[in-house]
Amino acid sequence: MVNASTRFNDGGQFGLGAEIGISTTKLHAYGPMGLKELTTQKFIVYGS
């Protein structure tokens, strides 16, 4: 942060809604964990 209180590191303050925790490791999430951080992505394929 620049010119702000450390107390802002919070899911609610960051617009994530409620948070499930703050990750200080980089896999698979870093920082407050909101909805997207509780999902992953799979590949999908359309063919003909």
ModelCIF file with pLDDT and N, C-alpha, C, O atoms, coordinates in Angstrom:
data_MODEL
#
_entry.id   MODEL 
#
_entity.id                         1 
_entity.type                       polymer 
_entity.pdbx_number_of_molecules   1 
#
_entity_poly.entity_id                      1 
_entity_poly.type                           'polypeptide(L)' 
_entity_poly.nstd_linkage                   no 
_entity_poly.nstd_monomer                   no 
_entity_poly.pdbx_seq_one_letter_code       MVNASTRFNDGGQFGLGAEIGISTTKLHAYGPMGLKELTTQKFIVYGS 
_entity_poly.pdbx_seq_one_letter_code_can   MVNASTRFNDGGQFGLGAEIGISTTKLHAYGPMGLKELTTQKFIVYGS 
_entity_poly.pdbx_strand_id                 A 
#
loop_
_entity_poly_seq.entity_id 
_entity_poly_seq.num 
_entity_poly_seq.mon_id 
_entity_poly_seq.hetero 
1 1  MET n 
1 2  VAL n 
1 3  ASN n 
1 4  ALA n 
1 5  SER n 
1 6  THR n 
1 7  ARG n 
1 8  PHE n 
1 9  ASN n 
1 10 ASP n 
1 11 GLY n 
1 12 GLY n 
1 13 GLN n 
1 14 PHE n 
1 15 GLY n 
1 16 LEU n 
1 17 GLY n 
1 18 ALA n 
1 19 GLU n 
1 20 ILE n 
1 21 GLY n 
1 22 ILE n 
1 23 SER n 
1 24 THR n 
1 25 THR n 
1 26 LYS n 
1 27 LEU n 
1 28 HIS n 
1 29 ALA n 
1 30 TYR n 
1 31 GLY n 
1 32 PRO n 
1 33 MET n 
1 34 GLY n 
1 35 LEU n 
1 36 LYS n 
1 37 GLU n 
1 38 LEU n 
1 39 THR n 
1 40 THR n 
1 41 GLN n 
1 42 LYS n 
1 43 PHE n 
1 44 ILE n 
1 45 VAL n 
1 46 TYR n 
1 47 GLY n 
1 48 SER n 
#
_struct_asym.id          A 
_struct_asym.entity_id   1 
#
loop_
_ma_qa_metric.id 
_ma_qa_metric.mode 
_ma_qa_metric.name 
_ma_qa_metric.software_group_id 
_ma_qa_metric.type 
1 global pLDDT . pLDDT 
2 local  pLDDT . pLDDT 
#
_ma_qa_metric_global.metric_id      1 
_ma_qa_metric_global.metric_value   90.52 
_ma_qa_metric_global.model_id       1 
_ma_qa_metric_global.ordinal_id     1 
#
loop_
_ma_qa_metric_local.label_asym_id 
_ma_qa_metric_local.label_comp_id 
_ma_qa_metric_local.label_seq_id 
_ma_qa_metric_local.metric_id 
_ma_qa_metric_local.metric_value 
_ma_qa_metric_local.model_id 
_ma_qa_metric_local.ordinal_id 
A MET 1  2 98.00 1 1  
A VAL 2  2 98.00 1 2  
A ASN 3  2 98.00 1 3  
A ALA 4  2 98.00 1 4  
A SER 5  2 98.00 1 5  
A THR 6  2 98.00 1 6  
A ARG 7  2 98.00 1 7  
A PHE 8  2 97.00 1 8  
A ASN 9  2 97.00 1 9  
A ASP 10 2 91.00 1 10 
A GLY 11 2 85.00 1 11 
A GLY 12 2 82.00 1 12 
A GLN 13 2 92.00 1 13 
A PHE 14 2 91.00 1 14 
A GLY 15 2 83.00 1 15 
A LEU 16 2 81.00 1 16 
A GLY 17 2 68.00 1 17 
A ALA 18 2 69.00 1 18 
A GLU 19 2 77.00 1 19 
A ILE 20 2 82.00 1 20 
A GLY 21 2 81.00 1 21 
A ILE 22 2 89.00 1 22 
A SER 23 2 90.00 1 23 
A THR 24 2 91.00 1 24 
A THR 25 2 87.00 1 25 
A LYS 26 2 85.00 1 26 
A LEU 27 2 81.00 1 27 
A HIS 28 2 83.00 1 28 
A ALA 29 2 87.00 1 29 
A TYR 30 2 91.00 1 30 
A GLY 31 2 92.00 1 31 
A PRO 32 2 91.00 1 32 
A MET 33 2 88.00 1 33 
A GLY 34 2 87.00 1 34 
A LEU 35 2 92.00 1 35 
A LYS 36 2 92.00 1 36 
A GLU 37 2 93.00 1 37 
A LEU 38 2 95.00 1 38 
A THR 39 2 96.00 1 39 
A THR 40 2 96.00 1 40 
A GLN 41 2 96.00 1 41 
A LYS 42 2 97.00 1 42 
A PHE 43 2 98.00 1 43 
A ILE 44 2 98.00 1 44 
A VAL 45 2 98.00 1 45 
A TYR 46 2 97.00 1 46 
A GLY 47 2 97.00 1 47 
A SER 48 2 96.00 1 48 
#
loop_
_atom_site.group_PDB 
_atom_site.id 
_atom_site.type_symbol 
_atom_site.label_atom_id 
_atom_site.label_alt_id 
_atom_site.label_comp_id 
_atom_site.label_asym_id 
_atom_site.label_entity_id 
_atom_site.label_seq_id 
_atom_site.pdbx_PDB_ins_code 
_atom_site.Cartn_x 
_atom_site.Cartn_y 
_atom_site.Cartn_z 
_atom_site.occupancy 
_atom_site.B_iso_or_equiv 
_atom_site.pdbx_formal_charge 
_atom_site.auth_seq_id 
_atom_site.auth_comp_id 
_atom_site.auth_asym_id 
_atom_site.auth_atom_id 
_atom_site.pdbx_PDB_model_num 
ATOM 1   N N  . MET A 1 1  ? 0.812   -1.208  0.000   1.00 98.00 ? 1  MET A N  1 
ATOM 2   C CA . MET A 1 1  ? 0.000   0.000   0.000   1.00 98.00 ? 1  MET A CA 1 
ATOM 3   C C  . MET A 1 1  ? 0.847   1.261   0.000   1.00 98.00 ? 1  MET A C  1 
ATOM 4   O O  . MET A 1 1  ? 1.998   1.259   0.437   1.00 98.00 ? 1  MET A O  1 
ATOM 5   N N  . VAL A 1 2  ? 0.255   2.332   -0.498  1.00 98.00 ? 2  VAL A N  1 
ATOM 6   C CA . VAL A 1 2  ? 0.856   3.666   -0.459  1.00 98.00 ? 2  VAL A CA 1 
ATOM 7   C C  . VAL A 1 2  ? -0.123  4.585   0.266   1.00 98.00 ? 2  VAL A C  1 
ATOM 8   O O  . VAL A 1 2  ? -1.271  4.735   -0.152  1.00 98.00 ? 2  VAL A O  1 
ATOM 9   N N  . ASN A 1 3  ? 0.339   5.197   1.356   1.00 98.00 ? 3  ASN A N  1 
ATOM 10  C CA . ASN A 1 3  ? -0.447  6.184   2.111   1.00 98.00 ? 3  ASN A CA 1 
ATOM 11  C C  . ASN A 1 3  ? -1.805  5.634   2.578   1.00 98.00 ? 3  ASN A C  1 
ATOM 12  O O  . ASN A 1 3  ? -2.832  6.299   2.450   1.00 98.00 ? 3  ASN A O  1 
ATOM 13  N N  . ALA A 1 4  ? -1.789  4.425   3.113   1.00 98.00 ? 4  ALA A N  1 
ATOM 14  C CA . ALA A 1 4  ? -3.017  3.826   3.640   1.00 98.00 ? 4  ALA A CA 1 
ATOM 15  C C  . ALA A 1 4  ? -2.680  2.883   4.785   1.00 98.00 ? 4  ALA A C  1 
ATOM 16  O O  . ALA A 1 4  ? -1.564  2.371   4.872   1.00 98.00 ? 4  ALA A O  1 
ATOM 17  N N  . SER A 1 5  ? -3.649  2.661   5.658   1.00 98.00 ? 5  SER A N  1 
ATOM 18  C CA . SER A 1 5  ? -3.476  1.785   6.815   1.00 98.00 ? 5  SER A CA 1 
ATOM 19  C C  . SER A 1 5  ? -3.424  0.320   6.397   1.00 98.00 ? 5  SER A C  1 
ATOM 20  O O  . SER A 1 5  ? -4.129  -0.103  5.481   1.00 98.00 ? 5  SER A O  1 
ATOM 21  N N  . THR A 1 6  ? -2.585  -0.439  7.076   1.00 98.00 ? 6  THR A N  1 
ATOM 22  C CA . THR A 1 6  ? -2.508  -1.887  6.819   1.00 98.00 ? 6  THR A CA 1 
ATOM 23  C C  . THR A 1 6  ? -3.831  -2.578  7.115   1.00 98.00 ? 6  THR A C  1 
ATOM 24  O O  . THR A 1 6  ? -4.072  -3.680  6.623   1.00 98.00 ? 6  THR A O  1 
ATOM 25  N N  . ARG A 1 7  ? -4.688  -1.952  7.909   1.00 98.00 ? 7  ARG A N  1 
ATOM 26  C CA . ARG A 1 7  ? -5.963  -2.555  8.288   1.00 98.00 ? 7  ARG A CA 1 
ATOM 27  C C  . ARG A 1 7  ? -6.912  -2.754  7.102   1.00 98.00 ? 7  ARG A C  1 
ATOM 28  O O  . ARG A 1 7  ? -7.937  -3.424  7.228   1.00 98.00 ? 7  ARG A O  1 
ATOM 29  N N  . PHE A 1 8  ? -6.566  -2.168  5.950   1.00 97.00 ? 8  PHE A N  1 
ATOM 30  C CA . PHE A 1 8  ? -7.424  -2.322  4.770   1.00 97.00 ? 8  PHE A CA 1 
ATOM 31  C C  . PHE A 1 8  ? -7.250  -3.664  4.076   1.00 97.00 ? 8  PHE A C  1 
ATOM 32  O O  . PHE A 1 8  ? -8.047  -4.005  3.202   1.00 97.00 ? 8  PHE A O  1 
ATOM 33  N N  . ASN A 1 9  ? -6.219  -4.446  4.444   1.00 97.00 ? 9  ASN A N  1 
ATOM 34  C CA . ASN A 1 9  ? -6.049  -5.748  3.789   1.00 97.00 ? 9  ASN A CA 1 
ATOM 35  C C  . ASN A 1 9  ? -7.084  -6.712  4.340   1.00 97.00 ? 9  ASN A C  1 
ATOM 36  O O  . ASN A 1 9  ? -6.856  -7.418  5.323   1.00 97.00 ? 9  ASN A O  1 
ATOM 37  N N  . ASP A 1 10 ? -8.226  -6.716  3.675   1.00 91.00 ? 10 ASP A N  1 
ATOM 38  C CA . ASP A 1 10 ? -9.398  -7.444  4.159   1.00 91.00 ? 10 ASP A CA 1 
ATOM 39  C C  . ASP A 1 10 ? -10.330 -7.661  2.969   1.00 91.00 ? 10 ASP A C  1 
ATOM 40  O O  . ASP A 1 10 ? -10.508 -6.769  2.140   1.00 91.00 ? 10 ASP A O  1 
ATOM 41  N N  . GLY A 1 11 ? -10.917 -8.842  2.893   1.00 85.00 ? 11 GLY A N  1 
ATOM 42  C CA . GLY A 1 11 ? -11.782 -9.139  1.757   1.00 85.00 ? 11 GLY A CA 1 
ATOM 43  C C  . GLY A 1 11 ? -12.927 -8.172  1.597   1.00 85.00 ? 11 GLY A C  1 
ATOM 44  O O  . GLY A 1 11 ? -13.240 -7.755  0.481   1.00 85.00 ? 11 GLY A O  1 
ATOM 45  N N  . GLY A 1 12 ? -13.563 -7.805  2.707   1.00 82.00 ? 12 GLY A N  1 
ATOM 46  C CA . GLY A 1 12 ? -14.671 -6.862  2.632   1.00 82.00 ? 12 GLY A CA 1 
ATOM 47  C C  . GLY A 1 12 ? -14.228 -5.507  2.146   1.00 82.00 ? 12 GLY A C  1 
ATOM 48  O O  . GLY A 1 12 ? -14.895 -4.897  1.310   1.00 82.00 ? 12 GLY A O  1 
ATOM 49  N N  . GLN A 1 13 ? -13.095 -5.019  2.666   1.00 92.00 ? 13 GLN A N  1 
ATOM 50  C CA . GLN A 1 13 ? -12.570 -3.715  2.260   1.00 92.00 ? 13 GLN A CA 1 
ATOM 51  C C  . GLN A 1 13 ? -12.127 -3.708  0.800   1.00 92.00 ? 13 GLN A C  1 
ATOM 52  O O  . GLN A 1 13 ? -12.162 -2.663  0.150   1.00 92.00 ? 13 GLN A O  1 
ATOM 53  N N  . PHE A 1 14 ? -11.709 -4.863  0.278   1.00 91.00 ? 14 PHE A N  1 
ATOM 54  C CA . PHE A 1 14 ? -11.264 -4.951  -1.110  1.00 91.00 ? 14 PHE A CA 1 
ATOM 55  C C  . PHE A 1 14 ? -12.402 -5.260  -2.078  1.00 91.00 ? 14 PHE A C  1 
ATOM 56  O O  . PHE A 1 14 ? -12.181 -5.418  -3.279  1.00 91.00 ? 14 PHE A O  1 
ATOM 57  N N  . GLY A 1 15 ? -13.628 -5.346  -1.543  1.00 83.00 ? 15 GLY A N  1 
ATOM 58  C CA . GLY A 1 15 ? -14.772 -5.578  -2.420  1.00 83.00 ? 15 GLY A CA 1 
ATOM 59  C C  . GLY A 1 15 ? -15.023 -7.033  -2.748  1.00 83.00 ? 15 GLY A C  1 
ATOM 60  O O  . GLY A 1 15 ? -15.744 -7.336  -3.699  1.00 83.00 ? 15 GLY A O  1 
ATOM 61  N N  . LEU A 1 16 ? -14.432 -7.954  -1.968  1.00 81.00 ? 16 LEU A N  1 
ATOM 62  C CA . LEU A 1 16 ? -14.624 -9.377  -2.235  1.00 81.00 ? 16 LEU A CA 1 
ATOM 63  C C  . LEU A 1 16 ? -15.823 -9.938  -1.482  1.00 81.00 ? 16 LEU A C  1 
ATOM 64  O O  . LEU A 1 16 ? -16.171 -11.106 -1.658  1.00 81.00 ? 16 LEU A O  1 
ATOM 65  N N  . GLY A 1 17 ? -16.463 -9.115  -0.640  1.00 68.00 ? 17 GLY A N  1 
ATOM 66  C CA . GLY A 1 17 ? -17.455 -9.636  0.274   1.00 68.00 ? 17 GLY A CA 1 
ATOM 67  C C  . GLY A 1 17 ? -16.722 -10.244 1.457   1.00 68.00 ? 17 GLY A C  1 
ATOM 68  O O  . GLY A 1 17 ? -15.603 -9.837  1.770   1.00 68.00 ? 17 GLY A O  1 
ATOM 69  N N  . ALA A 1 18 ? -17.340 -11.216 2.118   1.00 69.00 ? 18 ALA A N  1 
ATOM 70  C CA . ALA A 1 18 ? -16.650 -11.902 3.203   1.00 69.00 ? 18 ALA A CA 1 
ATOM 71  C C  . ALA A 1 18 ? -15.454 -12.659 2.638   1.00 69.00 ? 18 ALA A C  1 
ATOM 72  O O  . ALA A 1 18 ? -15.468 -13.085 1.483   1.00 69.00 ? 18 ALA A O  1 
ATOM 73  N N  . GLU A 1 19 ? -14.415 -12.822 3.464   1.00 77.00 ? 19 GLU A N  1 
ATOM 74  C CA . GLU A 1 19 ? -13.232 -13.564 3.015   1.00 77.00 ? 19 GLU A CA 1 
ATOM 75  C C  . GLU A 1 19 ? -13.098 -14.843 3.815   1.00 77.00 ? 19 GLU A C  1 
ATOM 76  O O  . GLU A 1 19 ? -13.590 -14.936 4.939   1.00 77.00 ? 19 GLU A O  1 
ATOM 77  N N  . ILE A 1 20 ? -12.434 -15.825 3.237   1.00 82.00 ? 20 ILE A N  1 
ATOM 78  C CA . ILE A 1 20 ? -12.218 -17.089 3.926   1.00 82.00 ? 20 ILE A CA 1 
ATOM 79  C C  . ILE A 1 20 ? -10.844 -17.117 4.591   1.00 82.00 ? 20 ILE A C  1 
ATOM 80  O O  . ILE A 1 20 ? -10.531 -18.049 5.331   1.00 82.00 ? 20 ILE A O  1 
ATOM 81  N N  . GLY A 1 21 ? -10.033 -16.110 4.332   1.00 81.00 ? 21 GLY A N  1 
ATOM 82  C CA . GLY A 1 21 ? -8.702  -16.029 4.915   1.00 81.00 ? 21 GLY A CA 1 
ATOM 83  C C  . GLY A 1 21 ? -7.798  -15.197 4.027   1.00 81.00 ? 21 GLY A C  1 
ATOM 84  O O  . GLY A 1 21 ? -8.184  -14.799 2.928   1.00 81.00 ? 21 GLY A O  1 
ATOM 85  N N  . ILE A 1 22 ? -6.593  -14.937 4.511   1.00 89.00 ? 22 ILE A N  1 
ATOM 86  C CA . ILE A 1 22 ? -5.602  -14.198 3.733   1.00 89.00 ? 22 ILE A CA 1 
ATOM 87  C C  . ILE A 1 22 ? -4.405  -15.102 3.508   1.00 89.00 ? 22 ILE A C  1 
ATOM 88  O O  . ILE A 1 22 ? -3.724  -15.494 4.456   1.00 89.00 ? 22 ILE A O  1 
ATOM 89  N N  . SER A 1 23 ? -4.155  -15.425 2.270   1.00 90.00 ? 23 SER A N  1 
ATOM 90  C CA . SER A 1 23 ? -3.036  -16.307 1.937   1.00 90.00 ? 23 SER A CA 1 
ATOM 91  C C  . SER A 1 23 ? -1.748  -15.503 1.813   1.00 90.00 ? 23 SER A C  1 
ATOM 92  O O  . SER A 1 23 ? -1.700  -14.485 1.123   1.00 90.00 ? 23 SER A O  1 
ATOM 93  N N  . THR A 1 24 ? -0.700  -15.976 2.495   1.00 91.00 ? 24 THR A N  1 
ATOM 94  C CA . THR A 1 24 ? 0.619   -15.346 2.341   1.00 91.00 ? 24 THR A CA 1 
ATOM 95  C C  . THR A 1 24 ? 1.551   -16.242 1.547   1.00 91.00 ? 24 THR A C  1 
ATOM 96  O O  . THR A 1 24 ? 2.761   -16.017 1.520   1.00 91.00 ? 24 THR A O  1 
ATOM 97  N N  . THR A 1 25 ? 0.990   -17.261 0.898   1.00 87.00 ? 25 THR A N  1 
ATOM 98  C CA . THR A 1 25 ? 1.736   -18.051 -0.070  1.00 87.00 ? 25 THR A CA 1 
ATOM 99  C C  . THR A 1 25 ? 1.113   -17.826 -1.439  1.00 87.00 ? 25 THR A C  1 
ATOM 100 O O  . THR A 1 25 ? -0.035  -17.390 -1.529  1.00 87.00 ? 25 THR A O  1 
ATOM 101 N N  . LYS A 1 26 ? 1.847   -18.115 -2.500  1.00 85.00 ? 26 LYS A N  1 
ATOM 102 C CA . LYS A 1 26 ? 1.427   -17.683 -3.832  1.00 85.00 ? 26 LYS A CA 1 
ATOM 103 C C  . LYS A 1 26 ? 0.668   -18.742 -4.624  1.00 85.00 ? 26 LYS A C  1 
ATOM 104 O O  . LYS A 1 26 ? 0.177   -18.442 -5.713  1.00 85.00 ? 26 LYS A O  1 
ATOM 105 N N  . LEU A 1 27 ? 0.554   -19.951 -4.126  1.00 81.00 ? 27 LEU A N  1 
ATOM 106 C CA . LEU A 1 27 ? -0.187  -21.001 -4.812  1.00 81.00 ? 27 LEU A CA 1 
ATOM 107 C C  . LEU A 1 27 ? -1.310  -21.467 -3.901  1.00 81.00 ? 27 LEU A C  1 
ATOM 108 O O  . LEU A 1 27 ? -1.051  -21.899 -2.778  1.00 81.00 ? 27 LEU A O  1 
ATOM 109 N N  . HIS A 1 28 ? -2.552  -21.388 -4.364  1.00 83.00 ? 28 HIS A N  1 
ATOM 110 C CA . HIS A 1 28 ? -2.946  -20.894 -5.673  1.00 83.00 ? 28 HIS A CA 1 
ATOM 111 C C  . HIS A 1 28 ? -3.489  -19.469 -5.596  1.00 83.00 ? 28 HIS A C  1 
ATOM 112 O O  . HIS A 1 28 ? -3.923  -18.905 -6.600  1.00 83.00 ? 28 HIS A O  1 
ATOM 113 N N  . ALA A 1 29 ? -3.459  -18.889 -4.377  1.00 87.00 ? 29 ALA A N  1 
ATOM 114 C CA . ALA A 1 29 ? -3.992  -17.538 -4.176  1.00 87.00 ? 29 ALA A CA 1 
ATOM 115 C C  . ALA A 1 29 ? -3.018  -16.756 -3.308  1.00 87.00 ? 29 ALA A C  1 
ATOM 116 O O  . ALA A 1 29 ? -2.251  -17.339 -2.541  1.00 87.00 ? 29 ALA A O  1 
ATOM 117 N N  . TYR A 1 30 ? -3.052  -15.424 -3.434  1.00 91.00 ? 30 TYR A N  1 
ATOM 118 C CA . TYR A 1 30 ? -2.159  -14.537 -2.674  1.00 91.00 ? 30 TYR A CA 1 
ATOM 119 C C  . TYR A 1 30 ? -2.998  -13.368 -2.190  1.00 91.00 ? 30 TYR A C  1 
ATOM 120 O O  . TYR A 1 30 ? -3.503  -12.588 -2.998  1.00 91.00 ? 30 TYR A O  1 
ATOM 121 N N  . GLY A 1 31 ? -3.151  -13.239 -0.879  1.00 92.00 ? 31 GLY A N  1 
ATOM 122 C CA . GLY A 1 31 ? -3.961  -12.167 -0.323  1.00 92.00 ? 31 GLY A CA 1 
ATOM 123 C C  . GLY A 1 31 ? -5.324  -12.666 0.110   1.00 92.00 ? 31 GLY A C  1 
ATOM 124 O O  . GLY A 1 31 ? -5.526  -13.874 0.238   1.00 92.00 ? 31 GLY A O  1 
ATOM 125 N N  . PRO A 1 32 ? -6.283  -11.743 0.343   1.00 91.00 ? 32 PRO A N  1 
ATOM 126 C CA . PRO A 1 32 ? -7.618  -12.143 0.782   1.00 91.00 ? 32 PRO A CA 1 
ATOM 127 C C  . PRO A 1 32 ? -8.274  -13.095 -0.219  1.00 91.00 ? 32 PRO A C  1 
ATOM 128 O O  . PRO A 1 32 ? -8.218  -12.877 -1.429  1.00 91.00 ? 32 PRO A O  1 
ATOM 129 N N  . MET A 1 33 ? -8.890  -14.145 0.301   1.00 88.00 ? 33 MET A N  1 
ATOM 130 C CA . MET A 1 33 ? -9.510  -15.157 -0.541  1.00 88.00 ? 33 MET A CA 1 
ATOM 131 C C  . MET A 1 33 ? -11.020 -14.962 -0.568  1.00 88.00 ? 33 MET A C  1 
ATOM 132 O O  . MET A 1 33 ? -11.710 -15.192 0.425   1.00 88.00 ? 33 MET A O  1 
ATOM 133 N N  . GLY A 1 34 ? -11.512 -14.539 -1.708  1.00 87.00 ? 34 GLY A N  1 
ATOM 134 C CA . GLY A 1 34 ? -12.940 -14.396 -1.906  1.00 87.00 ? 34 GLY A CA 1 
ATOM 135 C C  . GLY A 1 34 ? -13.474 -15.505 -2.787  1.00 87.00 ? 34 GLY A C  1 
ATOM 136 O O  . GLY A 1 34 ? -12.937 -16.613 -2.790  1.00 87.00 ? 34 GLY A O  1 
ATOM 137 N N  . LEU A 1 35 ? -14.527 -15.217 -3.533  1.00 92.00 ? 35 LEU A N  1 
ATOM 138 C CA . LEU A 1 35 ? -15.185 -16.249 -4.333  1.00 92.00 ? 35 LEU A CA 1 
ATOM 139 C C  . LEU A 1 35 ? -14.280 -16.870 -5.383  1.00 92.00 ? 35 LEU A C  1 
ATOM 140 O O  . LEU A 1 35 ? -14.172 -18.094 -5.460  1.00 92.00 ? 35 LEU A O  1 
ATOM 141 N N  . LYS A 1 36 ? -13.627 -16.041 -6.197  1.00 92.00 ? 36 LYS A N  1 
ATOM 142 C CA . LYS A 1 36 ? -12.824 -16.596 -7.290  1.00 92.00 ? 36 LYS A CA 1 
ATOM 143 C C  . LYS A 1 36 ? -11.696 -17.463 -6.778  1.00 92.00 ? 36 LYS A C  1 
ATOM 144 O O  . LYS A 1 36 ? -11.302 -18.435 -7.423  1.00 92.00 ? 36 LYS A O  1 
ATOM 145 N N  . GLU A 1 37 ? -11.173 -17.102 -5.596  1.00 93.00 ? 37 GLU A N  1 
ATOM 146 C CA . GLU A 1 37 ? -10.067 -17.873 -5.039  1.00 93.00 ? 37 GLU A CA 1 
ATOM 147 C C  . GLU A 1 37 ? -10.520 -19.234 -4.524  1.00 93.00 ? 37 GLU A C  1 
ATOM 148 O O  . GLU A 1 37 ? -9.688  -20.084 -4.207  1.00 93.00 ? 37 GLU A O  1 
ATOM 149 N N  . LEU A 1 38 ? -11.830 -19.446 -4.438  1.00 95.00 ? 38 LEU A N  1 
ATOM 150 C CA . LEU A 1 38 ? -12.369 -20.749 -4.040  1.00 95.00 ? 38 LEU A CA 1 
ATOM 151 C C  . LEU A 1 38 ? -12.837 -21.557 -5.246  1.00 95.00 ? 38 LEU A C  1 
ATOM 152 O O  . LEU A 1 38 ? -13.581 -22.528 -5.108  1.00 95.00 ? 38 LEU A O  1 
ATOM 153 N N  . THR A 1 39 ? -12.391 -21.142 -6.423  1.00 96.00 ? 39 THR A N  1 
ATOM 154 C CA . THR A 1 39 ? -12.663 -21.885 -7.653  1.00 96.00 ? 39 THR A CA 1 
ATOM 155 C C  . THR A 1 39 ? -11.352 -22.111 -8.396  1.00 96.00 ? 39 THR A C  1 
ATOM 156 O O  . THR A 1 39 ? -10.306 -21.573 -8.034  1.00 96.00 ? 39 THR A O  1 
ATOM 157 N N  . THR A 1 40 ? -11.440 -22.918 -9.438  1.00 96.00 ? 40 THR A N  1 
ATOM 158 C CA . THR A 1 40 ? -10.302 -23.096 -10.332 1.00 96.00 ? 40 THR A CA 1 
ATOM 159 C C  . THR A 1 40 ? -10.848 -23.074 -11.757 1.00 96.00 ? 40 THR A C  1 
ATOM 160 O O  . THR A 1 40 ? -12.038 -22.837 -11.961 1.00 96.00 ? 40 THR A O  1 
ATOM 161 N N  . GLN A 1 41 ? -9.992  -23.317 -12.738 1.00 96.00 ? 41 GLN A N  1 
ATOM 162 C CA . GLN A 1 41 ? -10.436 -23.332 -14.130 1.00 96.00 ? 41 GLN A CA 1 
ATOM 163 C C  . GLN A 1 41 ? -10.079 -24.665 -14.773 1.00 96.00 ? 41 GLN A C  1 
ATOM 164 O O  . GLN A 1 41 ? -8.985  -25.198 -14.590 1.00 96.00 ? 41 GLN A O  1 
ATOM 165 N N  . LYS A 1 42 ? -11.030 -25.180 -15.525 1.00 97.00 ? 42 LYS A N  1 
ATOM 166 C CA . LYS A 1 42 ? -10.721 -26.366 -16.325 1.00 97.00 ? 42 LYS A CA 1 
ATOM 167 C C  . LYS A 1 42 ? -10.835 -25.995 -17.807 1.00 97.00 ? 42 LYS A C  1 
ATOM 168 O O  . LYS A 1 42 ? -11.555 -25.066 -18.173 1.00 97.00 ? 42 LYS A O  1 
ATOM 169 N N  . PHE A 1 43 ? -10.122 -26.726 -18.639 1.00 98.00 ? 43 PHE A N  1 
ATOM 170 C CA . PHE A 1 43 ? -10.203 -26.494 -20.078 1.00 98.00 ? 43 PHE A CA 1 
ATOM 171 C C  . PHE A 1 43 ? -11.467 -27.142 -20.630 1.00 98.00 ? 43 PHE A C  1 
ATOM 172 O O  . PHE A 1 43 ? -11.855 -28.236 -20.222 1.00 98.00 ? 43 PHE A O  1 
ATOM 173 N N  . ILE A 1 44 ? -12.096 -26.443 -21.561 1.00 98.00 ? 44 ILE A N  1 
ATOM 174 C CA . ILE A 1 44 ? -13.247 -27.003 -22.270 1.00 98.00 ? 44 ILE A CA 1 
ATOM 175 C C  . ILE A 1 44 ? -12.957 -26.928 -23.761 1.00 98.00 ? 44 ILE A C  1 
ATOM 176 O O  . ILE A 1 44 ? -12.277 -26.011 -24.222 1.00 98.00 ? 44 ILE A O  1 
ATOM 177 N N  . VAL A 1 45 ? -13.472 -27.889 -24.513 1.00 98.00 ? 45 VAL A N  1 
ATOM 178 C CA . VAL A 1 45 ? -13.193 -27.991 -25.946 1.00 98.00 ? 45 VAL A CA 1 
ATOM 179 C C  . VAL A 1 45 ? -14.493 -28.215 -26.706 1.00 98.00 ? 45 VAL A C  1 
ATOM 180 O O  . VAL A 1 45 ? -15.273 -29.105 -26.364 1.00 98.00 ? 45 VAL A O  1 
ATOM 181 N N  . TYR A 1 46 ? -14.728 -27.403 -27.745 1.00 97.00 ? 46 TYR A N  1 
ATOM 182 C CA . TYR A 1 46 ? -15.832 -27.605 -28.673 1.00 97.00 ? 46 TYR A CA 1 
ATOM 183 C C  . TYR A 1 46 ? -15.258 -28.122 -29.992 1.00 97.00 ? 46 TYR A C  1 
ATOM 184 O O  . TYR A 1 46 ? -14.291 -27.576 -30.522 1.00 97.00 ? 46 TYR A O  1 
ATOM 185 N N  . GLY A 1 47 ? -15.864 -29.165 -30.498 1.00 97.00 ? 47 GLY A N  1 
ATOM 186 C CA . GLY A 1 47 ? -15.415 -29.688 -31.780 1.00 97.00 ? 47 GLY A CA 1 
ATOM 187 C C  . GLY A 1 47 ? -16.587 -30.012 -32.678 1.00 97.00 ? 47 GLY A C  1 
ATOM 188 O O  . GLY A 1 47 ? -17.743 -29.932 -32.261 1.00 97.00 ? 47 GLY A O  1 
ATOM 189 N N  . SER A 1 48 ? -16.288 -30.377 -33.909 1.00 96.00 ? 48 SER A N  1 
ATOM 190 C CA . SER A 1 48 ? -17.338 -30.789 -34.863 1.00 96.00 ? 48 SER A CA 1 
ATOM 191 C C  . SER A 1 48 ? -16.842 -31.989 -35.659 1.00 96.00 ? 48 SER A C  1 
ATOM 192 O O  . SER A 1 48 ? -17.561 -32.500 -36.517 1.00 96.00 ? 48 SER A O  1 
#
